[in-house]
N, C-alpha and C. Protein backbone atom coordinates (compact mmCIF):
# COMPACT_ATOMS: atom_id res chain seq x y z
N MET A 1 100.28 95.40 62.88
CA MET A 1 100.07 94.43 64.13
C MET A 1 99.29 93.43 64.12
N SER A 2 99.91 92.51 64.36
CA SER A 2 99.03 91.26 64.33
C SER A 2 97.42 91.23 65.12
N SER A 3 96.63 90.34 64.82
CA SER A 3 95.32 90.30 65.23
C SER A 3 95.51 89.92 67.39
N GLN A 4 96.94 89.23 67.35
CA GLN A 4 97.29 88.98 68.56
C GLN A 4 97.71 89.82 69.46
N GLN A 5 98.36 90.74 68.37
CA GLN A 5 98.85 91.67 69.56
C GLN A 5 98.07 92.58 69.63
N VAL A 6 96.82 92.80 68.76
CA VAL A 6 95.40 93.08 69.19
C VAL A 6 94.49 93.13 70.19
N GLY A 7 94.95 91.59 70.20
CA GLY A 7 93.95 90.86 71.40
C GLY A 7 94.83 90.96 72.32
N LEU A 8 95.83 90.95 72.33
CA LEU A 8 96.12 91.59 73.66
C LEU A 8 96.46 92.56 74.68
N LEU A 9 96.56 93.66 73.63
CA LEU A 9 96.07 95.23 74.36
C LEU A 9 94.94 95.76 74.61
N LEU A 10 93.39 94.26 73.83
CA LEU A 10 91.96 94.81 74.04
C LEU A 10 92.37 94.16 75.91
N ASP A 11 92.70 93.06 75.89
CA ASP A 11 92.70 92.63 77.19
C ASP A 11 93.47 92.97 77.89
N GLY A 12 94.57 93.72 78.07
CA GLY A 12 95.14 94.73 78.75
C GLY A 12 94.16 96.14 79.45
N ALA A 13 93.63 96.69 78.22
CA ALA A 13 92.78 97.66 78.13
C ALA A 13 91.17 97.06 79.45
N TRP A 14 90.93 96.10 78.85
CA TRP A 14 90.05 96.13 79.79
C TRP A 14 90.65 95.60 81.60
N PHE A 15 91.27 94.92 81.47
CA PHE A 15 92.00 94.94 82.77
C PHE A 15 92.31 95.87 84.17
N THR A 16 92.92 97.02 82.91
CA THR A 16 92.90 98.39 82.96
C THR A 16 91.53 98.72 83.96
N ILE A 17 91.09 98.90 83.18
CA ILE A 17 89.36 99.67 83.56
C ILE A 17 88.92 98.58 84.60
N ALA A 18 89.19 96.89 84.66
CA ALA A 18 88.95 96.34 85.93
C ALA A 18 89.21 96.72 87.26
N ILE A 19 90.84 97.20 87.44
CA ILE A 19 91.68 97.62 88.08
C ILE A 19 90.77 99.09 88.25
N ALA A 20 90.48 99.67 87.94
CA ALA A 20 90.88 101.58 88.14
C ALA A 20 89.09 101.40 89.03
N LEU A 21 88.59 100.47 87.91
CA LEU A 21 87.03 100.37 88.69
C LEU A 21 86.93 100.21 90.25
N GLY A 22 87.76 99.08 90.42
CA GLY A 22 87.69 98.35 92.03
C GLY A 22 88.88 99.21 92.73
N GLY A 23 89.51 99.34 91.81
CA GLY A 23 90.56 100.78 92.76
C GLY A 23 89.35 101.54 93.17
N ALA A 24 88.51 102.12 92.37
CA ALA A 24 87.80 103.20 92.65
C ALA A 24 86.79 102.82 93.72
N VAL A 25 86.17 101.54 93.63
CA VAL A 25 85.42 101.57 94.36
C VAL A 25 86.17 101.97 95.92
N LEU A 26 87.25 101.03 96.33
CA LEU A 26 87.81 100.98 97.40
C LEU A 26 88.48 102.57 97.75
N ALA A 27 88.66 103.52 96.97
CA ALA A 27 88.90 104.51 97.03
C ALA A 27 87.60 105.39 97.80
N LEU A 28 86.36 105.34 96.80
CA LEU A 28 85.36 105.87 97.44
C LEU A 28 84.91 104.94 99.42
N VAL A 29 85.18 103.81 99.14
CA VAL A 29 84.83 103.33 100.28
C VAL A 29 86.14 104.90 101.41
N PHE A 30 87.08 104.70 100.99
CA PHE A 30 88.32 105.14 101.92
C PHE A 30 88.08 106.01 102.07
N GLY A 31 87.46 107.03 101.02
CA GLY A 31 87.59 108.08 101.30
C GLY A 31 86.26 108.94 101.75
N PHE A 32 85.42 108.37 101.36
CA PHE A 32 84.10 108.86 103.15
C PHE A 32 84.29 108.61 104.27
N ALA A 33 84.94 107.03 104.58
CA ALA A 33 85.47 107.28 105.49
C ALA A 33 85.95 107.49 106.71
N ALA A 34 87.11 108.42 106.54
CA ALA A 34 88.57 109.00 106.38
C ALA A 34 87.74 110.47 106.26
N GLY A 35 86.72 110.58 105.08
CA GLY A 35 86.26 112.36 105.16
C GLY A 35 85.92 112.00 106.40
N LEU A 36 84.96 111.82 106.41
CA LEU A 36 83.41 111.76 108.19
C LEU A 36 84.19 112.00 108.89
N ALA A 37 85.47 111.00 109.01
CA ALA A 37 86.24 110.83 110.38
C ALA A 37 86.33 112.16 110.42
N ARG A 38 87.43 113.39 109.34
CA ARG A 38 88.34 114.12 109.81
C ARG A 38 86.91 115.45 109.59
N VAL A 39 86.10 114.85 110.25
CA VAL A 39 85.36 116.60 110.36
C VAL A 39 83.89 115.76 111.91
N SER A 40 84.78 114.61 112.75
CA SER A 40 83.91 114.86 113.72
C SER A 40 84.29 115.00 114.54
N GLU A 41 83.51 115.46 115.35
CA GLU A 41 83.76 115.84 116.50
C GLU A 41 83.86 114.98 117.52
N LYS A 42 84.60 113.54 117.33
CA LYS A 42 85.68 112.83 118.15
C LYS A 42 87.08 112.72 118.32
N LYS A 43 87.78 113.86 119.01
CA LYS A 43 88.88 113.52 118.62
C LYS A 43 90.12 112.70 117.55
N TRP A 44 89.24 111.26 118.80
CA TRP A 44 90.65 110.18 118.10
C TRP A 44 90.20 109.61 116.68
N LEU A 45 88.67 109.96 116.41
CA LEU A 45 88.19 109.50 114.78
C LEU A 45 89.44 110.74 114.17
N ARG A 46 89.11 112.35 114.51
CA ARG A 46 90.37 112.82 113.82
C ARG A 46 91.36 112.84 113.47
N THR A 47 92.02 112.05 114.26
CA THR A 47 93.24 111.43 114.79
C THR A 47 93.72 110.62 113.25
N ILE A 48 92.30 109.47 113.32
CA ILE A 48 92.56 108.07 112.72
C ILE A 48 92.61 109.06 110.87
N GLY A 49 91.41 109.84 111.37
CA GLY A 49 91.75 110.42 109.49
C GLY A 49 92.16 111.27 109.15
N PHE A 50 92.81 111.77 110.09
CA PHE A 50 94.08 112.57 109.75
C PHE A 50 96.02 111.73 109.62
N VAL A 51 95.82 110.63 109.91
CA VAL A 51 96.79 109.65 109.88
C VAL A 51 96.69 109.17 108.50
N TYR A 52 95.51 108.56 108.50
CA TYR A 52 95.60 108.50 106.78
C TYR A 52 96.25 109.35 105.73
N VAL A 53 94.99 109.97 105.82
CA VAL A 53 95.21 110.85 104.91
C VAL A 53 96.37 110.93 104.57
N GLU A 54 97.78 111.73 105.60
CA GLU A 54 99.13 111.94 105.39
C GLU A 54 99.23 111.25 105.10
N PHE A 55 99.59 109.65 105.83
CA PHE A 55 100.53 108.65 105.36
C PHE A 55 100.26 108.36 103.59
N PHE A 56 98.87 107.94 103.42
CA PHE A 56 98.41 107.34 101.78
C PHE A 56 98.63 108.33 100.96
N ARG A 57 98.40 109.51 101.38
CA ARG A 57 98.48 110.56 100.59
C ARG A 57 100.44 110.49 100.16
N GLY A 58 100.81 110.03 100.73
CA GLY A 58 102.43 110.48 100.36
C GLY A 58 103.30 109.25 100.08
N ALA A 59 102.58 108.20 100.59
CA ALA A 59 103.03 106.63 100.04
C ALA A 59 103.14 106.03 98.07
N PRO A 60 103.78 106.40 97.96
CA PRO A 60 104.00 106.18 96.00
C PRO A 60 103.18 104.83 95.75
N VAL A 61 102.14 104.74 94.81
CA VAL A 61 101.40 103.66 94.18
C VAL A 61 102.52 102.63 94.23
N LEU A 62 104.03 102.96 93.72
CA LEU A 62 104.47 102.17 93.50
C LEU A 62 104.96 100.76 94.29
N VAL A 63 105.55 101.95 95.48
CA VAL A 63 106.03 101.60 97.08
C VAL A 63 105.13 100.69 98.06
N LEU A 64 103.72 101.29 97.29
CA LEU A 64 102.63 100.37 98.38
C LEU A 64 102.03 98.67 97.13
N ALA A 65 102.60 99.04 95.98
CA ALA A 65 102.16 97.84 95.08
C ALA A 65 103.14 96.28 95.18
N PHE A 66 104.28 96.87 95.35
CA PHE A 66 105.46 96.28 96.63
C PHE A 66 105.46 95.55 97.75
N TRP A 67 104.54 96.64 98.07
CA TRP A 67 104.71 95.79 100.00
C TRP A 67 103.59 94.97 99.94
N PHE A 68 102.24 95.07 99.12
CA PHE A 68 101.49 94.48 99.35
C PHE A 68 101.48 92.57 98.09
N ILE A 69 102.65 92.84 97.16
CA ILE A 69 103.51 91.69 96.48
C ILE A 69 104.07 91.32 97.36
N TYR A 70 105.39 91.41 97.51
CA TYR A 70 106.69 91.12 97.93
C TYR A 70 106.75 91.30 100.05
N ALA A 71 106.32 91.50 100.28
CA ALA A 71 105.90 91.99 101.88
C ALA A 71 104.80 91.35 102.37
N LEU A 72 103.85 91.23 102.39
CA LEU A 72 103.04 91.19 103.05
C LEU A 72 102.62 90.15 103.49
N PRO A 73 103.02 88.64 101.75
CA PRO A 73 103.63 87.59 102.10
C PRO A 73 103.44 86.98 103.31
N GLN A 74 105.40 87.47 103.83
CA GLN A 74 106.25 87.18 104.60
C GLN A 74 105.85 87.55 106.20
N LEU A 75 104.35 88.70 106.11
CA LEU A 75 103.44 88.35 107.36
C LEU A 75 102.44 87.16 106.71
N GLY A 76 102.41 86.20 106.20
CA GLY A 76 100.86 85.44 106.35
C GLY A 76 100.06 85.66 105.39
N TRP A 77 99.82 87.07 104.92
CA TRP A 77 99.14 87.35 103.72
C TRP A 77 99.95 87.13 102.02
N GLN A 78 98.82 86.80 101.45
CA GLN A 78 98.95 86.39 100.33
C GLN A 78 97.69 86.87 99.49
N LEU A 79 97.82 88.41 98.95
CA LEU A 79 96.98 88.71 97.69
C LEU A 79 97.30 88.13 96.53
N ALA A 80 96.42 88.16 95.75
CA ALA A 80 96.74 88.44 94.42
C ALA A 80 96.79 89.67 93.39
N PRO A 81 98.03 89.17 92.61
CA PRO A 81 98.45 90.54 92.18
C PRO A 81 97.27 92.11 91.70
N ALA A 82 96.33 91.08 91.35
CA ALA A 82 94.73 92.59 90.54
C ALA A 82 94.85 92.64 92.26
N TRP A 83 94.47 91.91 92.92
CA TRP A 83 94.17 92.62 94.69
C TRP A 83 94.39 93.56 94.88
N ALA A 84 96.07 93.44 94.94
CA ALA A 84 97.01 94.49 95.17
C ALA A 84 97.04 95.47 94.65
N GLY A 85 97.14 95.01 93.21
CA GLY A 85 97.52 96.68 92.66
C GLY A 85 95.19 97.70 92.91
N MET A 86 94.71 97.01 93.24
CA MET A 86 93.61 97.55 93.40
C MET A 86 93.66 98.52 94.82
N LEU A 87 93.98 97.65 95.79
CA LEU A 87 94.45 98.66 96.77
C LEU A 87 95.64 99.49 96.64
N SER A 88 96.64 98.92 96.40
CA SER A 88 97.65 100.60 96.51
C SER A 88 96.36 101.28 95.87
N VAL A 89 96.26 101.32 94.51
CA VAL A 89 95.74 102.60 93.76
C VAL A 89 94.30 103.68 94.42
N GLY A 90 93.44 102.39 95.24
CA GLY A 90 92.33 102.93 96.26
C GLY A 90 92.93 103.49 97.80
N LEU A 91 93.95 102.75 98.42
CA LEU A 91 94.45 103.43 99.22
C LEU A 91 95.32 104.99 98.80
N ASN A 92 96.28 105.45 97.80
CA ASN A 92 96.38 106.22 97.04
C ASN A 92 95.58 107.90 97.44
N VAL A 93 94.47 107.05 96.46
CA VAL A 93 93.05 107.69 95.49
C VAL A 93 92.11 108.52 96.82
N GLY A 94 92.53 107.33 97.38
CA GLY A 94 91.03 107.13 98.93
C GLY A 94 91.97 108.82 100.03
N ALA A 95 92.94 108.74 99.76
CA ALA A 95 93.00 109.57 100.70
C ALA A 95 93.23 111.83 99.93
N TYR A 96 93.27 111.40 98.38
CA TYR A 96 92.50 112.53 98.55
C TYR A 96 91.92 112.95 98.54
N ALA A 97 90.07 111.85 98.06
CA ALA A 97 89.11 111.60 97.76
C ALA A 97 88.60 112.40 98.94
N ALA A 98 89.07 111.86 100.50
CA ALA A 98 89.05 112.27 101.66
C ALA A 98 89.21 113.53 102.32
N GLU A 99 89.47 114.26 101.15
CA GLU A 99 90.06 115.59 101.00
C GLU A 99 89.16 116.26 100.57
N VAL A 100 88.38 115.48 99.62
CA VAL A 100 87.78 116.25 98.53
C VAL A 100 86.01 116.28 99.90
N VAL A 101 85.40 115.02 99.95
CA VAL A 101 85.03 115.06 101.03
C VAL A 101 84.43 115.57 102.74
N ARG A 102 85.68 115.76 102.92
CA ARG A 102 86.26 116.91 104.22
C ARG A 102 85.63 118.09 103.41
N GLY A 103 85.91 118.73 103.07
CA GLY A 103 85.80 119.87 102.12
C GLY A 103 84.47 120.44 102.01
N ALA A 104 83.83 118.98 101.17
CA ALA A 104 82.18 119.10 100.53
C ALA A 104 81.26 119.07 101.72
N ILE A 105 81.81 118.39 102.99
CA ILE A 105 81.00 118.88 104.29
C ILE A 105 80.79 119.93 104.94
N ARG A 106 82.70 120.44 105.16
CA ARG A 106 82.15 122.08 105.28
C ARG A 106 81.76 123.52 104.59
N ALA A 107 82.24 122.82 102.82
CA ALA A 107 80.87 123.70 102.78
C ALA A 107 79.56 123.92 102.38
N VAL A 108 78.70 123.40 103.01
CA VAL A 108 77.86 122.95 103.46
C VAL A 108 77.49 124.18 104.22
N PRO A 109 76.30 125.37 103.52
CA PRO A 109 75.97 126.45 104.40
C PRO A 109 75.58 125.85 106.11
N ALA A 110 75.58 126.67 106.83
CA ALA A 110 76.16 126.75 108.70
C ALA A 110 74.35 126.53 108.70
N GLY A 111 73.55 127.82 107.75
CA GLY A 111 72.01 127.86 108.28
C GLY A 111 71.17 126.46 107.99
N GLN A 112 72.04 125.74 106.57
CA GLN A 112 71.46 124.33 106.58
C GLN A 112 71.34 123.64 108.13
N LEU A 113 72.02 123.30 108.42
CA LEU A 113 72.21 122.40 109.89
C LEU A 113 71.89 123.58 110.79
N GLU A 114 71.60 124.51 111.21
CA GLU A 114 70.66 124.62 112.30
C GLU A 114 69.36 124.68 112.00
N ALA A 115 68.82 124.95 110.55
CA ALA A 115 67.60 124.49 110.11
C ALA A 115 66.98 122.78 110.89
N ALA A 116 68.25 121.70 110.03
CA ALA A 116 67.57 120.81 110.81
C ALA A 116 67.69 120.46 112.24
N THR A 117 68.38 121.22 112.82
CA THR A 117 68.98 120.84 113.86
C THR A 117 67.32 121.64 114.60
N ALA A 118 66.77 122.85 114.65
CA ALA A 118 65.58 123.52 115.22
C ALA A 118 64.30 122.20 114.34
N LEU A 119 64.66 121.63 113.46
CA LEU A 119 63.40 120.40 113.54
C LEU A 119 63.56 118.86 113.79
N ASN A 120 65.03 119.33 115.25
CA ASN A 120 65.01 118.08 115.88
C ASN A 120 65.62 116.50 115.13
N PHE A 121 66.06 117.08 114.19
CA PHE A 121 66.96 115.93 113.32
C PHE A 121 68.16 115.64 113.78
N THR A 122 68.07 113.97 114.26
CA THR A 122 69.61 113.92 115.10
C THR A 122 71.23 113.95 114.36
N PRO A 123 71.81 113.44 114.73
CA PRO A 123 73.24 113.99 113.48
C PRO A 123 73.18 113.13 112.61
N ALA A 124 73.02 112.05 112.78
CA ALA A 124 73.03 110.68 111.85
C ALA A 124 71.91 111.66 110.98
N GLN A 125 70.28 112.10 111.69
CA GLN A 125 69.13 112.62 110.20
C GLN A 125 70.17 113.70 109.45
N ARG A 126 70.23 114.25 110.40
CA ARG A 126 71.62 115.60 109.81
C ARG A 126 71.92 115.22 108.36
N TYR A 127 72.97 114.64 108.79
CA TYR A 127 74.61 114.22 107.39
C TYR A 127 73.64 113.51 106.81
N ARG A 128 72.81 112.53 106.59
CA ARG A 128 71.41 111.49 105.85
C ARG A 128 71.10 112.26 104.80
N ARG A 129 69.90 113.41 105.33
CA ARG A 129 69.23 114.23 104.93
C ARG A 129 69.55 115.38 104.30
N VAL A 130 70.19 116.74 105.13
CA VAL A 130 71.00 117.99 104.63
C VAL A 130 72.02 117.51 103.93
N VAL A 131 73.09 117.04 104.87
CA VAL A 131 74.52 117.17 104.52
C VAL A 131 75.14 116.59 102.98
N ILE A 132 75.22 115.52 103.36
CA ILE A 132 75.45 114.49 102.39
C ILE A 132 75.00 114.64 101.01
N PRO A 133 73.62 114.84 101.13
CA PRO A 133 72.99 115.11 99.18
C PRO A 133 73.53 116.41 98.75
N GLN A 134 73.66 117.14 99.98
CA GLN A 134 74.60 118.34 99.23
C GLN A 134 75.16 118.73 98.59
N ALA A 135 76.51 118.20 99.64
CA ALA A 135 77.74 118.07 100.19
C ALA A 135 77.91 117.07 98.41
N LEU A 136 77.89 116.18 97.91
CA LEU A 136 77.78 115.00 97.11
C LEU A 136 77.78 116.06 95.34
N VAL A 137 76.84 116.85 95.70
CA VAL A 137 77.30 117.39 94.25
C VAL A 137 78.05 118.35 93.99
N ALA A 138 78.94 118.88 95.68
CA ALA A 138 80.05 119.13 95.47
C ALA A 138 80.96 118.48 94.75
N MET A 139 81.23 117.26 95.13
CA MET A 139 82.34 115.84 96.13
C MET A 139 82.23 115.49 93.90
N ILE A 140 81.82 115.35 93.43
CA ILE A 140 81.05 115.07 91.92
C ILE A 140 82.89 115.15 91.30
N PRO A 141 82.44 116.71 91.26
CA PRO A 141 83.81 117.22 90.02
C PRO A 141 85.23 116.43 90.35
N PRO A 142 85.81 116.96 91.57
CA PRO A 142 86.89 116.36 92.01
C PRO A 142 87.25 114.71 92.42
N PHE A 143 85.91 114.63 92.80
CA PHE A 143 85.95 112.67 92.31
C PHE A 143 86.50 112.57 90.55
N SER A 144 86.05 113.18 89.63
CA SER A 144 86.20 113.19 88.47
C SER A 144 87.62 113.05 87.87
N ASN A 145 88.52 114.36 88.40
CA ASN A 145 90.18 113.77 88.17
C ASN A 145 90.29 112.94 88.84
N ASN A 146 90.08 112.75 91.01
CA ASN A 146 90.58 111.49 90.82
C ASN A 146 90.64 110.24 90.33
N LEU A 147 89.71 110.68 89.26
CA LEU A 147 89.25 109.05 88.79
C LEU A 147 90.02 108.65 87.94
N ILE A 148 90.35 109.77 87.31
CA ILE A 148 91.01 109.83 86.24
C ILE A 148 93.00 110.25 86.76
N GLU A 149 92.72 110.64 87.58
CA GLU A 149 94.62 109.66 88.57
C GLU A 149 94.74 108.51 88.81
N LEU A 150 93.52 108.56 89.43
CA LEU A 150 93.58 106.49 89.51
C LEU A 150 94.06 106.19 88.17
N LEU A 151 93.02 106.03 87.53
CA LEU A 151 93.41 105.46 86.19
C LEU A 151 95.20 105.62 85.48
N LYS A 152 95.75 106.53 85.57
CA LYS A 152 97.13 106.79 85.36
C LYS A 152 97.94 105.77 86.63
N ALA A 153 97.15 106.51 88.02
CA ALA A 153 98.22 105.30 88.62
C ALA A 153 97.87 103.94 87.86
N THR A 154 97.38 103.01 87.53
CA THR A 154 97.13 101.89 87.08
C THR A 154 98.41 101.11 86.48
N ALA A 155 98.71 102.20 85.60
CA ALA A 155 99.88 101.72 84.80
C ALA A 155 101.33 102.07 85.58
N VAL A 156 100.92 102.22 86.79
CA VAL A 156 102.62 101.73 87.51
C VAL A 156 102.24 100.30 88.22
N VAL A 157 101.56 100.13 88.56
CA VAL A 157 101.23 98.39 89.35
C VAL A 157 101.85 97.38 87.97
N SER A 158 101.86 98.12 86.70
CA SER A 158 102.77 96.90 85.99
C SER A 158 103.32 96.52 86.35
N VAL A 159 104.78 97.21 87.02
CA VAL A 159 106.00 96.90 87.17
C VAL A 159 105.76 95.29 88.37
N VAL A 160 104.03 94.93 88.77
CA VAL A 160 104.63 94.01 89.52
C VAL A 160 103.56 92.83 88.71
N ALA A 161 103.95 93.02 87.48
CA ALA A 161 103.95 91.38 86.34
C ALA A 161 101.25 92.30 86.72
N ILE A 162 101.52 92.71 86.78
CA ILE A 162 99.79 92.81 86.50
C ILE A 162 99.79 92.99 85.10
N PRO A 163 98.38 92.05 84.32
CA PRO A 163 98.41 92.07 82.99
C PRO A 163 97.83 93.48 82.02
N GLU A 164 98.04 94.13 82.93
CA GLU A 164 96.78 95.42 82.91
C GLU A 164 97.34 95.98 80.82
N LEU A 165 97.28 97.08 80.88
CA LEU A 165 97.40 98.02 79.47
C LEU A 165 98.75 98.12 78.69
N THR A 166 99.76 98.99 80.22
CA THR A 166 101.08 99.09 80.22
C THR A 166 101.72 97.57 80.05
N PHE A 167 101.33 96.89 80.41
CA PHE A 167 102.18 95.75 81.08
C PHE A 167 101.70 94.76 79.37
N SER A 168 101.09 94.94 79.04
CA SER A 168 100.81 94.30 77.21
C SER A 168 101.87 94.93 76.65
N GLY A 169 101.49 96.42 76.96
CA GLY A 169 102.65 96.75 75.57
C GLY A 169 103.44 96.85 75.88
N GLN A 170 104.10 96.28 76.87
CA GLN A 170 105.16 96.44 77.06
C GLN A 170 106.16 95.37 76.89
N LEU A 171 105.29 94.27 76.64
CA LEU A 171 105.25 92.93 76.31
C LEU A 171 105.68 92.68 74.58
N ILE A 172 104.12 93.52 74.19
CA ILE A 172 104.47 94.06 72.76
C ILE A 172 105.35 94.38 72.19
N ARG A 173 105.89 95.53 72.71
CA ARG A 173 106.78 96.42 72.20
C ARG A 173 108.76 95.93 72.44
N ALA A 174 109.43 94.61 73.52
CA ALA A 174 109.36 94.33 73.73
C ALA A 174 109.95 93.10 72.35
N GLY A 175 109.08 92.73 72.04
CA GLY A 175 108.72 91.59 71.01
C GLY A 175 109.03 91.67 69.26
N THR A 176 108.30 93.55 69.65
CA THR A 176 108.74 94.17 67.81
C THR A 176 109.61 95.10 68.00
N GLY A 177 109.80 95.95 68.51
CA GLY A 177 110.74 96.65 68.56
C GLY A 177 110.21 97.70 68.04
N ARG A 178 108.76 97.87 68.33
CA ARG A 178 108.41 98.88 67.67
C ARG A 178 107.51 100.43 68.79
N SER A 179 108.79 100.81 70.01
CA SER A 179 108.45 101.73 70.64
C SER A 179 107.24 103.28 70.02
N ALA A 180 107.45 103.51 68.59
CA ALA A 180 106.98 104.45 68.98
C ALA A 180 105.34 103.99 68.58
N ALA A 181 104.73 103.04 67.99
CA ALA A 181 103.56 102.53 67.24
C ALA A 181 103.06 102.18 68.50
N VAL A 182 103.98 101.24 69.33
CA VAL A 182 103.37 100.55 70.18
C VAL A 182 102.96 101.57 71.96
N LEU A 183 103.61 102.45 71.70
CA LEU A 183 103.58 103.92 73.10
C LEU A 183 102.63 104.79 72.11
N GLY A 184 102.83 104.65 71.10
CA GLY A 184 101.20 105.93 70.47
C GLY A 184 100.12 105.50 71.04
N GLY A 185 100.11 104.03 70.28
CA GLY A 185 98.95 103.19 70.79
C GLY A 185 98.31 103.37 72.69
N LEU A 186 99.53 103.20 73.65
CA LEU A 186 99.14 103.23 74.98
C LEU A 186 98.50 104.37 75.18
N LEU A 187 98.73 105.33 75.05
CA LEU A 187 98.58 106.95 74.83
C LEU A 187 97.37 107.09 74.31
N ILE A 188 96.58 106.28 73.28
CA ILE A 188 95.42 106.85 73.34
C ILE A 188 94.48 105.44 73.26
N GLY A 189 94.62 104.79 74.40
CA GLY A 189 93.87 104.23 74.91
C GLY A 189 93.60 104.18 76.19
N TYR A 190 94.49 104.91 76.59
CA TYR A 190 93.82 105.37 77.98
C TYR A 190 93.50 107.31 77.72
N GLY A 191 93.53 107.69 76.74
CA GLY A 191 92.84 109.18 76.39
C GLY A 191 91.67 108.45 76.45
N VAL A 192 91.13 107.79 75.32
CA VAL A 192 90.32 106.99 75.06
C VAL A 192 89.20 106.64 76.39
N ILE A 193 89.95 105.35 77.37
CA ILE A 193 89.16 105.06 78.86
C ILE A 193 88.90 106.56 79.41
N ALA A 194 89.94 107.56 79.55
CA ALA A 194 89.45 108.59 80.17
C ALA A 194 88.77 109.31 79.60
N VAL A 195 88.20 109.27 78.97
CA VAL A 195 87.02 109.86 78.10
C VAL A 195 85.31 109.77 78.54
N LEU A 196 85.79 108.28 78.34
CA LEU A 196 84.52 107.56 78.57
C LEU A 196 84.47 107.23 79.97
N PHE A 197 85.90 107.54 80.93
CA PHE A 197 85.30 108.28 82.31
C PHE A 197 84.76 109.02 83.04
N THR A 198 85.08 110.20 82.23
CA THR A 198 84.66 111.81 82.35
C THR A 198 83.37 111.92 81.88
N VAL A 199 82.77 110.98 80.93
CA VAL A 199 81.34 111.21 80.21
C VAL A 199 80.53 110.13 81.63
N VAL A 200 80.80 109.31 81.68
CA VAL A 200 80.13 108.83 82.91
C VAL A 200 79.85 109.85 84.02
N MET A 201 81.15 110.33 84.60
CA MET A 201 81.04 111.33 86.10
C MET A 201 80.28 112.11 85.26
N ARG A 202 80.44 112.49 84.37
CA ARG A 202 79.90 114.18 84.36
C ARG A 202 78.11 113.54 83.95
N TYR A 203 77.69 112.73 83.34
CA TYR A 203 76.21 111.97 83.68
C TYR A 203 75.80 111.85 85.26
N VAL A 204 77.07 111.53 86.36
CA VAL A 204 76.26 111.09 87.71
C VAL A 204 76.68 112.49 88.11
N GLU A 205 76.93 113.80 87.62
CA GLU A 205 77.49 115.00 88.06
C GLU A 205 76.02 116.12 88.34
N ARG A 206 75.26 115.33 86.66
CA ARG A 206 74.06 116.29 86.65
C ARG A 206 72.41 115.66 87.19
N LYS A 207 72.77 114.15 87.40
CA LYS A 207 71.90 113.49 87.82
C LYS A 207 71.38 114.47 89.36
N ALA A 208 72.94 114.19 89.92
CA ALA A 208 73.55 114.24 91.83
C ALA A 208 72.83 115.40 91.30
N ALA A 209 72.73 116.53 90.55
CA ALA A 209 72.45 118.22 91.08
C ALA A 209 71.04 117.73 90.76
N SER A 210 70.05 117.49 90.06
CA SER A 210 68.70 117.04 90.21
C SER A 210 67.65 116.67 91.02
N SER A 211 68.68 115.89 91.44
CA SER A 211 68.78 115.08 92.84
C SER A 211 68.23 115.93 94.01
N VAL A 212 68.86 117.51 93.84
CA VAL A 212 68.77 118.35 95.12
C VAL A 212 68.04 119.66 94.24
N GLY A 213 67.40 119.82 93.61
CA GLY A 213 66.82 121.22 92.71
C GLY A 213 67.58 122.00 92.29
N ARG A 214 68.79 121.24 91.90
CA ARG A 214 69.92 122.27 91.54
C ARG A 214 69.63 121.95 89.81
N LYS A 215 69.74 123.20 88.83
CA LYS A 215 69.61 122.44 87.91
C LYS A 215 71.30 122.52 86.97
N PRO A 216 71.02 121.47 86.30
CA PRO A 216 72.95 120.83 86.06
C PRO A 216 73.19 121.61 85.04
N ALA A 217 74.61 121.80 85.15
CA ALA A 217 75.03 122.58 84.00
C ALA A 217 75.43 122.13 83.33
N GLY A 218 75.26 122.97 81.87
CA GLY A 218 75.30 122.39 80.59
C GLY A 218 76.59 122.04 79.69
N GLY A 219 77.07 121.01 79.32
CA GLY A 219 78.20 120.71 78.99
C GLY A 219 79.01 121.76 78.06
N LEU A 220 80.27 121.41 78.00
CA LEU A 220 81.04 122.81 77.28
C LEU A 220 80.36 123.40 76.24
N TRP A 221 80.08 122.63 75.03
CA TRP A 221 79.56 122.98 74.21
C TRP A 221 78.10 124.57 74.15
N LEU A 222 77.31 124.15 75.03
CA LEU A 222 76.58 124.57 75.35
C LEU A 222 76.43 125.58 76.11
N ARG A 223 77.61 125.68 77.32
CA ARG A 223 78.12 127.26 77.87
C ARG A 223 78.76 127.83 76.97
N ARG A 224 79.58 127.75 75.39
CA ARG A 224 79.91 128.28 74.95
C ARG A 224 79.48 128.73 73.82
N ARG A 225 77.41 128.37 73.52
CA ARG A 225 76.10 129.37 73.10
C ARG A 225 76.09 130.25 74.16
N GLU A 226 75.86 129.37 75.41
CA GLU A 226 74.94 130.84 75.91
C GLU A 226 76.06 132.59 76.58
N VAL A 227 77.92 131.93 76.36
CA VAL A 227 78.08 133.06 76.53
C VAL A 227 78.38 134.50 75.18
N ALA A 228 78.36 133.38 73.81
CA ALA A 228 78.30 133.63 72.58
C ALA A 228 76.30 134.61 72.20
N ALA A 229 75.63 133.75 73.33
CA ALA A 229 73.73 134.58 72.91
C ALA A 229 74.62 136.27 73.79
């Protein structure tokens, strides 16, 4: 593989990371908004959250990408392909993240809310000081899975000519005919990115646990040593 081809793959990898991170930010915003709406006391907010989750959880990323690239301009809006890719994966994964947020909030012990109410906390203060800090610790491991799913979904948007890793690999494969080498390299590339994301999320999980006075769980190697002891 020539240096030009390697450079093309590296550019695609950086573009994939950028789309994944941008999509993750959007998914986090959509997920928190919809998740909080799902547990709201107001029925109209619960309805909006329900519609968002059920619609975008069932909407394929590929169809969303096609819609933003080809259908939206007919309505007078034009998005750059990269933004369309981020929005597609963000909306889809955000629907799954919303269910994570809802479940984590529901899992906060009722006694905690009763204590906050006894201290005359407003609803906003209860969420900000009691519910969200504790629920966040429970959210992070599922969020890590959502992030990996989002990373894999970025490969789908290559069909709308977004120059991410899969698109770059397909260009090289078409020019060289070396399918095994190129596709094997793509598998390794996505695997490396997924490991990097997992390490970062593991660090965030430990920090979040420490912030609420919980002992962070050890890594896999540490847990195995403890079991052996």
